């Protein structure tokens, strides 16, 4: 099982890959998204996306600043204002 994950900024598509889970810094608190998550859209705050490639893996962290997250039947799309290198 895999979740399709995309990280997009106004400048470009930063990531497009299949992962196990992503933890997103939402404005109402962090939330995790697995495959088949219920659809919704929310704003995100500055913080770190934690990307788990497989179950039990050490997460990769990507710092982002602001934006939106959308969970749909196609997967998770994070529309970040900025990705901190």
PDB file of N, CA and C in Angstrom:
ATOM      1  N   UNK A   1       0.844  -1.184   0.000  1.00  0.00           N
ATOM      2  CA  UNK A   1       0.000   0.000   0.000  1.00  0.00           C
ATOM      3  C   UNK A   1       0.886   1.243   0.000  1.00  0.00           C
ATOM      4  N   UNK A   2       0.470   2.246  -0.758  1.00  0.00           N
ATOM      5  CA  UNK A   2       1.261   3.467  -0.833  1.00  0.00           C
ATOM      6  C   UNK A   2       0.353   4.677  -1.015  1.00  0.00           C
ATOM      7  N   UNK A   3       0.813   5.779  -0.469  1.00  0.00           N
ATOM      8  CA  UNK A   3       0.134   7.060  -0.580  1.00  0.00           C
ATOM      9  C   UNK A   3       0.869   7.876  -1.635  1.00  0.00           C
ATOM     10  N   UNK A   4       0.140   8.415  -2.613  1.00  0.00           N
ATOM     11  CA  UNK A   4       0.775   9.301  -3.583  1.00  0.00           C
ATOM     12  C   UNK A   4       0.898  10.679  -2.937  1.00  0.00           C
ATOM     13  N   UNK A   5       2.127  11.214  -2.875  1.00  0.00           N
ATOM     14  CA  UNK A   5       2.420  12.479  -2.208  1.00  0.00           C
ATOM     15  C   UNK A   5       3.062  13.442  -3.188  1.00  0.00           C
ATOM     16  N   UNK A   6       2.543  14.679  -3.206  1.00  0.00           N
ATOM     17  CA  UNK A   6       3.151  15.734  -4.013  1.00  0.00           C
ATOM     18  C   UNK A   6       3.356  16.967  -3.146  1.00  0.00           C
ATOM     19  N   UNK A   7       4.532  17.571  -3.289  1.00  0.00           N
ATOM     20  CA  UNK A   7       4.862  18.832  -2.635  1.00  0.00           C
ATOM     21  C   UNK A   7       5.092  19.845  -3.739  1.00  0.00           C
ATOM     22  N   UNK A   8       4.290  20.914  -3.721  1.00  0.00           N
ATOM     23  CA  UNK A   8       4.301  21.913  -4.790  1.00  0.00           C
ATOM     24  C   UNK A   8       4.511  23.296  -4.185  1.00  0.00           C
ATOM     25  N   UNK A   9       5.344  24.119  -4.835  1.00  0.00           N
ATOM     26  CA  UNK A   9       5.502  25.524  -4.476  1.00  0.00           C
ATOM     27  C   UNK A   9       5.052  26.363  -5.675  1.00  0.00           C
ATOM     28  N   UNK A  10       4.927  27.675  -5.499  1.00  0.00           N
ATOM     29  CA  UNK A  10       4.564  28.500  -6.658  1.00  0.00           C
ATOM     30  C   UNK A  10       5.571  28.382  -7.807  1.00  0.00           C
ATOM     31  N   UNK A  11       6.809  28.040  -7.494  1.00  0.00           N
ATOM     32  CA  UNK A  11       7.853  27.967  -8.520  1.00  0.00           C
ATOM     33  C   UNK A  11       7.896  26.637  -9.255  1.00  0.00           C
ATOM     34  N   UNK A  12       7.584  25.509  -8.549  1.00  0.00           N
ATOM     35  CA  UNK A  12       7.742  24.212  -9.202  1.00  0.00           C
ATOM     36  C   UNK A  12       7.180  23.059  -8.371  1.00  0.00           C
ATOM     37  N   UNK A  13       7.159  21.904  -8.991  1.00  0.00           N
ATOM     38  CA  UNK A  13       6.835  20.658  -8.305  1.00  0.00           C
ATOM     39  C   UNK A  13       8.105  20.184  -7.613  1.00  0.00           C
ATOM     40  N   UNK A  14       8.099  20.160  -6.285  1.00  0.00           N
ATOM     41  CA  UNK A  14       9.288  19.782  -5.517  1.00  0.00           C
ATOM     42  C   UNK A  14       9.428  18.265  -5.386  1.00  0.00           C
ATOM     43  N   UNK A  15       8.306  17.574  -5.177  1.00  0.00           N
ATOM     44  CA  UNK A  15       8.306  16.124  -4.970  1.00  0.00           C
ATOM     45  C   UNK A  15       7.050  15.519  -5.552  1.00  0.00           C
ATOM     46  N   UNK A  16       7.168  14.318  -6.058  1.00  0.00           N
ATOM     47  CA  UNK A  16       6.031  13.512  -6.484  1.00  0.00           C
ATOM     48  C   UNK A  16       6.481  12.070  -6.331  1.00  0.00           C
ATOM     49  N   UNK A  17       5.937  11.380  -5.321  1.00  0.00           N
ATOM     50  CA  UNK A  17       6.409  10.036  -5.016  1.00  0.00           C
ATOM     51  C   UNK A  17       5.375   9.240  -4.233  1.00  0.00           C
ATOM     52  N   UNK A  18       5.603   7.943  -4.169  1.00  0.00           N
ATOM     53  CA  UNK A  18       4.771   7.047  -3.382  1.00  0.00           C
ATOM     54  C   UNK A  18       5.457   6.853  -2.027  1.00  0.00           C
ATOM     55  N   UNK A  19       4.701   7.070  -0.942  1.00  0.00           N
ATOM     56  CA  UNK A  19       5.247   6.949   0.405  1.00  0.00           C
ATOM     57  C   UNK A  19       4.276   6.169   1.275  1.00  0.00           C
ATOM     58  N   UNK A  20       4.702   5.859   2.495  1.00  0.00           N
ATOM     59  CA  UNK A  20       3.827   5.156   3.428  1.00  0.00           C
ATOM     60  C   UNK A  20       2.910   6.146   4.152  1.00  0.00           C
ATOM     61  N   UNK A  21       3.505   7.242   4.708  1.00  0.00           N
ATOM     62  CA  UNK A  21       2.730   8.209   5.484  1.00  0.00           C
ATOM     63  C   UNK A  21       3.442   9.552   5.474  1.00  0.00           C
ATOM     64  N   UNK A  22       2.645  10.633   5.587  1.00  0.00           N
ATOM     65  CA  UNK A  22       3.196  11.978   5.729  1.00  0.00           C
ATOM     66  C   UNK A  22       2.501  12.631   6.919  1.00  0.00           C
ATOM     67  N   UNK A  23       3.291  13.267   7.795  1.00  0.00           N
ATOM     68  CA  UNK A  23       2.752  14.045   8.911  1.00  0.00           C
ATOM     69  C   UNK A  23       2.914  15.511   8.534  1.00  0.00           C
ATOM     70  N   UNK A  24       1.787  16.241   8.578  1.00  0.00           N
ATOM     71  CA  UNK A  24       1.719  17.622   8.093  1.00  0.00           C
ATOM     72  C   UNK A  24       1.476  18.570   9.264  1.00  0.00           C
ATOM     73  N   UNK A  25       2.183  19.720   9.310  1.00  0.00           N
ATOM     74  CA  UNK A  25       1.944  20.707  10.365  1.00  0.00           C
ATOM     75  C   UNK A  25       0.729  21.587  10.043  1.00  0.00           C
ATOM     76  N   UNK A  26      -0.446  21.118  10.396  1.00  0.00           N
ATOM     77  CA  UNK A  26      -1.668  21.884  10.139  1.00  0.00           C
ATOM     78  C   UNK A  26      -1.823  23.031  11.115  1.00  0.00           C
ATOM     79  N   UNK A  27      -2.607  24.031  10.745  1.00  0.00           N
ATOM     80  CA  UNK A  27      -2.825  25.168  11.645  1.00  0.00           C
ATOM     81  C   UNK A  27      -3.593  24.761  12.896  1.00  0.00           C
ATOM     82  N   UNK A  28      -4.349  23.691  12.828  1.00  0.00           N
ATOM     83  CA  UNK A  28      -5.100  23.195  13.985  1.00  0.00           C
ATOM     84  C   UNK A  28      -4.346  22.084  14.717  1.00  0.00           C
ATOM     85  N   UNK A  29      -3.119  21.805  14.278  1.00  0.00           N
ATOM     86  CA  UNK A  29      -2.305  20.747  14.863  1.00  0.00           C
ATOM     87  C   UNK A  29      -1.803  19.809  13.782  1.00  0.00           C
ATOM     88  N   UNK A  30      -0.815  18.999  14.146  1.00  0.00           N
ATOM     89  CA  UNK A  30      -0.253  18.051  13.177  1.00  0.00           C
ATOM     90  C   UNK A  30      -1.257  16.949  12.870  1.00  0.00           C
ATOM     91  N   UNK A  31      -1.200  16.439  11.636  1.00  0.00           N
ATOM     92  CA  UNK A  31      -2.040  15.305  11.266  1.00  0.00           C
ATOM     93  C   UNK A  31      -1.265  14.393  10.328  1.00  0.00           C
ATOM     94  N   UNK A  32      -1.528  13.117  10.450  1.00  0.00           N
ATOM     95  CA  UNK A  32      -0.880  12.129   9.603  1.00  0.00           C
ATOM     96  C   UNK A  32      -1.828  11.657   8.517  1.00  0.00           C
ATOM     97  N   UNK A  33      -1.274  11.390   7.345  1.00  0.00           N
ATOM     98  CA  UNK A  33      -2.073  10.927   6.210  1.00  0.00           C
ATOM     99  C   UNK A  33      -1.500   9.614   5.700  1.00  0.00           C
ATOM    100  N   UNK A  34      -2.352   8.605   5.659  1.00  0.00           N
ATOM    101  CA  UNK A  34      -2.039   7.304   5.088  1.00  0.00           C
ATOM    102  C   UNK A  34      -2.891   7.124   3.839  1.00  0.00           C
ATOM    103  N   UNK A  35      -2.603   6.090   3.069  1.00  0.00           N
ATOM    104  CA  UNK A  35      -3.426   5.771   1.903  1.00  0.00           C
ATOM    105  C   UNK A  35      -4.886   5.587   2.339  1.00  0.00           C
ATOM    106  N   UNK A  36      -5.826   6.007   1.534  1.00  0.00           N
ATOM    107  CA  UNK A  36      -7.274   5.896   1.758  1.00  0.00           C
ATOM    108  C   UNK A  36      -7.790   6.805   2.865  1.00  0.00           C
ATOM    109  N   UNK A  37      -7.058   7.871   3.194  1.00  0.00           N
ATOM    110  CA  UNK A  37      -7.517   8.842   4.195  1.00  0.00           C
ATOM    111  C   UNK A  37      -8.764   9.539   3.661  1.00  0.00           C
ATOM    112  N   UNK A  38      -9.658   9.938   4.545  1.00  0.00           N
ATOM    113  CA  UNK A  38     -10.857  10.679   4.142  1.00  0.00           C
ATOM    114  C   UNK A  38     -10.452  12.011   3.509  1.00  0.00           C
ATOM    115  N   UNK A  39     -11.128  12.422   2.449  1.00  0.00           N
ATOM    116  CA  UNK A  39     -10.784  13.676   1.774  1.00  0.00           C
ATOM    117  C   UNK A  39     -11.053  14.903   2.650  1.00  0.00           C
ATOM    118  N   UNK A  40     -10.163  15.867   2.584  1.00  0.00           N
ATOM    119  CA  UNK A  40     -10.364  17.173   3.223  1.00  0.00           C
ATOM    120  C   UNK A  40      -9.298  18.141   2.744  1.00  0.00           C
ATOM    121  N   UNK A  41      -9.483  19.416   3.070  1.00  0.00           N
ATOM    122  CA  UNK A  41      -8.506  20.452   2.733  1.00  0.00           C
ATOM    123  C   UNK A  41      -8.332  21.329   3.959  1.00  0.00           C
ATOM    124  N   UNK A  42      -7.090  21.771   4.216  1.00  0.00           N
ATOM    125  CA  UNK A  42      -6.817  22.599   5.382  1.00  0.00           C
ATOM    126  C   UNK A  42      -5.619  23.501   5.125  1.00  0.00           C
ATOM    127  N   UNK A  43      -5.478  24.525   5.948  1.00  0.00           N
ATOM    128  CA  UNK A  43      -4.299  25.373   5.888  1.00  0.00           C
ATOM    129  C   UNK A  43      -3.185  24.729   6.714  1.00  0.00           C
ATOM    130  N   UNK A  44      -1.950  25.083   6.363  1.00  0.00           N
ATOM    131  CA  UNK A  44      -0.812  24.553   7.108  1.00  0.00           C
ATOM    132  C   UNK A  44       0.022  25.711   7.642  1.00  0.00           C
ATOM    133  N   UNK A  45       0.741  25.430   8.714  1.00  0.00           N
ATOM    134  CA  UNK A  45       1.595  26.441   9.334  1.00  0.00           C
ATOM    135  C   UNK A  45       3.051  26.142   8.988  1.00  0.00           C
ATOM    136  N   UNK A  46       3.914  27.080   9.323  1.00  0.00           N
ATOM    137  CA  UNK A  46       5.346  26.852   9.158  1.00  0.00           C
ATOM    138  C   UNK A  46       5.745  25.670  10.044  1.00  0.00           C
ATOM    139  N   UNK A  47       6.547  24.783   9.509  1.00  0.00           N
ATOM    140  CA  UNK A  47       6.979  23.619  10.275  1.00  0.00           C
ATOM    141  C   UNK A  47       7.608  22.581   9.370  1.00  0.00           C
ATOM    142  N   UNK A  48       7.695  21.368   9.887  1.00  0.00           N
ATOM    143  CA  UNK A  48       8.357  20.291   9.148  1.00  0.00           C
ATOM    144  C   UNK A  48       7.345  19.248   8.698  1.00  0.00           C
ATOM    145  N   UNK A  49       7.397  18.921   7.407  1.00  0.00           N
ATOM    146  CA  UNK A  49       6.695  17.744   6.900  1.00  0.00           C
ATOM    147  C   UNK A  49       7.565  16.556   7.287  1.00  0.00           C
ATOM    148  N   UNK A  50       6.958  15.499   7.800  1.00  0.00           N
ATOM    149  CA  UNK A  50       7.700  14.273   8.090  1.00  0.00           C
ATOM    150  C   UNK A  50       7.209  13.201   7.131  1.00  0.00           C
ATOM    151  N   UNK A  51       8.115  12.720   6.291  1.00  0.00           N
ATOM    152  CA  UNK A  51       7.768  11.769   5.245  1.00  0.00           C
ATOM    153  C   UNK A  51       8.334  10.406   5.608  1.00  0.00           C
ATOM    154  N   UNK A  52       7.445   9.422   5.747  1.00  0.00           N
ATOM    155  CA  UNK A  52       7.830   8.051   6.071  1.00  0.00           C
ATOM    156  C   UNK A  52       7.744   7.226   4.783  1.00  0.00           C
ATOM    157  N   UNK A  53       8.875   6.756   4.305  1.00  0.00           N
ATOM    158  CA  UNK A  53       8.904   5.975   3.064  1.00  0.00           C
ATOM    159  C   UNK A  53       8.242   4.611   3.243  1.00  0.00           C
ATOM    160  N   UNK A  54       8.454   4.006   4.431  1.00  0.00           N
ATOM    161  CA  UNK A  54       7.864   2.707   4.747  1.00  0.00           C
ATOM    162  C   UNK A  54       7.396   2.712   6.194  1.00  0.00           C
ATOM    163  N   UNK A  55       6.589   1.741   6.568  1.00  0.00           N
ATOM    164  CA  UNK A  55       6.120   1.600   7.935  1.00  0.00           C
ATOM    165  C   UNK A  55       7.317   1.392   8.857  1.00  0.00           C
ATOM    166  N   UNK A  56       7.435   2.215   9.893  1.00  0.00           N
ATOM    167  CA  UNK A  56       8.515   2.080  10.855  1.00  0.00           C
ATOM    168  C   UNK A  56       9.820   2.742  10.452  1.00  0.00           C
ATOM    169  N   UNK A  57       9.870   3.347   9.278  1.00  0.00           N
ATOM    170  CA  UNK A  57      11.098   4.005   8.807  1.00  0.00           C
ATOM    171  C   UNK A  57      11.342   5.302   9.568  1.00  0.00           C
ATOM    172  N   UNK A  58      12.581   5.730   9.604  1.00  0.00           N
ATOM    173  CA  UNK A  58      12.918   7.041  10.148  1.00  0.00           C
ATOM    174  C   UNK A  58      12.428   8.087   9.149  1.00  0.00           C
ATOM    175  N   UNK A  59      11.689   9.096   9.623  1.00  0.00           N
ATOM    176  CA  UNK A  59      11.129  10.065   8.668  1.00  0.00           C
ATOM    177  C   UNK A  59      12.168  11.029   8.118  1.00  0.00           C
ATOM    178  N   UNK A  60      11.937  11.439   6.884  1.00  0.00           N
ATOM    179  CA  UNK A  60      12.693  12.535   6.278  1.00  0.00           C
ATOM    180  C   UNK A  60      11.907  13.800   6.596  1.00  0.00           C
ATOM    181  N   UNK A  61      12.603  14.861   6.994  1.00  0.00           N
ATOM    182  CA  UNK A  61      11.926  16.117   7.308  1.00  0.00           C
ATOM    183  C   UNK A  61      12.227  17.163   6.246  1.00  0.00           C
ATOM    184  N   UNK A  62      11.172  17.869   5.843  1.00  0.00           N
ATOM    185  CA  UNK A  62      11.297  18.983   4.904  1.00  0.00           C
ATOM    186  C   UNK A  62      10.605  20.176   5.550  1.00  0.00           C
ATOM    187  N   UNK A  63      11.336  21.258   5.750  1.00  0.00           N
ATOM    188  CA  UNK A  63      10.764  22.464   6.351  1.00  0.00           C
ATOM    189  C   UNK A  63       9.982  23.239   5.291  1.00  0.00           C
ATOM    190  N   UNK A  64       8.762  23.604   5.665  1.00  0.00           N
ATOM    191  CA  UNK A  64       7.904  24.376   4.762  1.00  0.00           C
ATOM    192  C   UNK A  64       7.390  25.609   5.484  1.00  0.00           C
ATOM    193  N   UNK A  65       6.932  26.570   4.710  1.00  0.00           N
ATOM    194  CA  UNK A  65       6.346  27.789   5.256  1.00  0.00           C
ATOM    195  C   UNK A  65       4.997  28.024   4.603  1.00  0.00           C
ATOM    196  N   UNK A  66       3.948  27.964   5.415  1.00  0.00           N
ATOM    197  CA  UNK A  66       2.601  28.279   4.992  1.00  0.00           C
ATOM    198  C   UNK A  66       2.067  27.478   3.825  1.00  0.00           C
ATOM    199  N   UNK A  67       0.776  27.650   3.562  1.00  0.00           N
ATOM    200  CA  UNK A  67       0.157  27.017   2.418  1.00  0.00           C
ATOM    201  C   UNK A  67      -1.084  26.227   2.761  1.00  0.00           C
ATOM    202  N   UNK A  68      -1.349  25.208   1.946  1.00  0.00           N
ATOM    203  CA  UNK A  68      -2.539  24.379   2.075  1.00  0.00           C
ATOM    204  C   UNK A  68      -2.170  22.915   1.876  1.00  0.00           C
ATOM    205  N   UNK A  69      -3.004  22.037   2.414  1.00  0.00           N
ATOM    206  CA  UNK A  69      -2.867  20.605   2.170  1.00  0.00           C
ATOM    207  C   UNK A  69      -4.222  20.085   1.720  1.00  0.00           C
ATOM    208  N   UNK A  70      -4.195  19.244   0.699  1.00  0.00           N
ATOM    209  CA  UNK A  70      -5.423  18.634   0.203  1.00  0.00           C
ATOM    210  C   UNK A  70      -5.256  17.121   0.161  1.00  0.00           C
ATOM    211  N   UNK A  71      -6.174  16.436   0.807  1.00  0.00           N
ATOM    212  CA  UNK A  71      -6.218  14.975   0.741  1.00  0.00           C
ATOM    213  C   UNK A  71      -7.402  14.619  -0.140  1.00  0.00           C
ATOM    214  N   UNK A  72      -7.144  13.813  -1.164  1.00  0.00           N
ATOM    215  CA  UNK A  72      -8.208  13.388  -2.074  1.00  0.00           C
ATOM    216  C   UNK A  72      -8.035  11.907  -2.369  1.00  0.00           C
ATOM    217  N   UNK A  73      -8.898  11.392  -3.230  1.00  0.00           N
ATOM    218  CA  UNK A  73      -8.781   9.982  -3.609  1.00  0.00           C
ATOM    219  C   UNK A  73      -7.472   9.713  -4.357  1.00  0.00           C
ATOM    220  N   UNK A  74      -6.842  10.775  -4.880  1.00  0.00           N
ATOM    221  CA  UNK A  74      -5.570  10.636  -5.596  1.00  0.00           C
ATOM    222  C   UNK A  74      -4.364  10.660  -4.665  1.00  0.00           C
ATOM    223  N   UNK A  75      -4.540  11.090  -3.409  1.00  0.00           N
ATOM    224  CA  UNK A  75      -3.440  11.137  -2.460  1.00  0.00           C
ATOM    225  C   UNK A  75      -3.373  12.466  -1.734  1.00  0.00           C
ATOM    226  N   UNK A  76      -2.170  12.879  -1.311  1.00  0.00           N
ATOM    227  CA  UNK A  76      -1.939  14.104  -0.560  1.00  0.00           C
ATOM    228  C   UNK A  76      -1.139  15.074  -1.409  1.00  0.00           C
ATOM    229  N   UNK A  77      -1.663  16.310  -1.520  1.00  0.00           N
ATOM    230  CA  UNK A  77      -0.932  17.379  -2.181  1.00  0.00           C
ATOM    231  C   UNK A  77      -0.727  18.483  -1.173  1.00  0.00           C
ATOM    232  N   UNK A  78       0.533  18.876  -0.960  1.00  0.00           N
ATOM    233  CA  UNK A  78       0.863  20.010  -0.097  1.00  0.00           C
ATOM    234  C   UNK A  78       1.276  21.156  -0.998  1.00  0.00           C
ATOM    235  N   UNK A  79       0.537  22.251  -0.909  1.00  0.00           N
ATOM    236  CA  UNK A  79       0.798  23.463  -1.686  1.00  0.00           C
ATOM    237  C   UNK A  79       1.470  24.446  -0.730  1.00  0.00           C
ATOM    238  N   UNK A  80       2.802  24.417  -0.671  1.00  0.00           N
ATOM    239  CA  UNK A  80       3.556  25.249   0.278  1.00  0.00           C
ATOM    240  C   UNK A  80       3.938  26.575  -0.348  1.00  0.00           C
ATOM    241  N   UNK A  81       3.895  27.635   0.461  1.00  0.00           N
ATOM    242  CA  UNK A  81       4.347  28.938  -0.015  1.00  0.00           C
ATOM    243  C   UNK A  81       5.849  28.916  -0.280  1.00  0.00           C
ATOM    244  N   UNK A  82       6.586  28.161   0.565  1.00  0.00           N
ATOM    245  CA  UNK A  82       8.041  28.117   0.429  1.00  0.00           C
ATOM    246  C   UNK A  82       8.580  26.842   1.059  1.00  0.00           C
ATOM    247  N   UNK A  83       9.587  26.256   0.432  1.00  0.00           N
ATOM    248  CA  UNK A  83      10.308  25.115   0.997  1.00  0.00           C
ATOM    249  C   UNK A  83      11.678  25.622   1.415  1.00  0.00           C
ATOM    250  N   UNK A  84      12.039  25.411   2.684  1.00  0.00           N
ATOM    251  CA  UNK A  84      13.308  25.873   3.208  1.00  0.00           C
ATOM    252  C   UNK A  84      14.384  24.833   2.908  1.00  0.00           C
ATOM    253  N   UNK A  85      15.414  25.246   2.206  1.00  0.00           N
ATOM    254  CA  UNK A  85      16.483  24.317   1.800  1.00  0.00           C
ATOM    255  C   UNK A  85      17.412  23.982   2.947  1.00  0.00           C
TER     256      UNK A  85
END
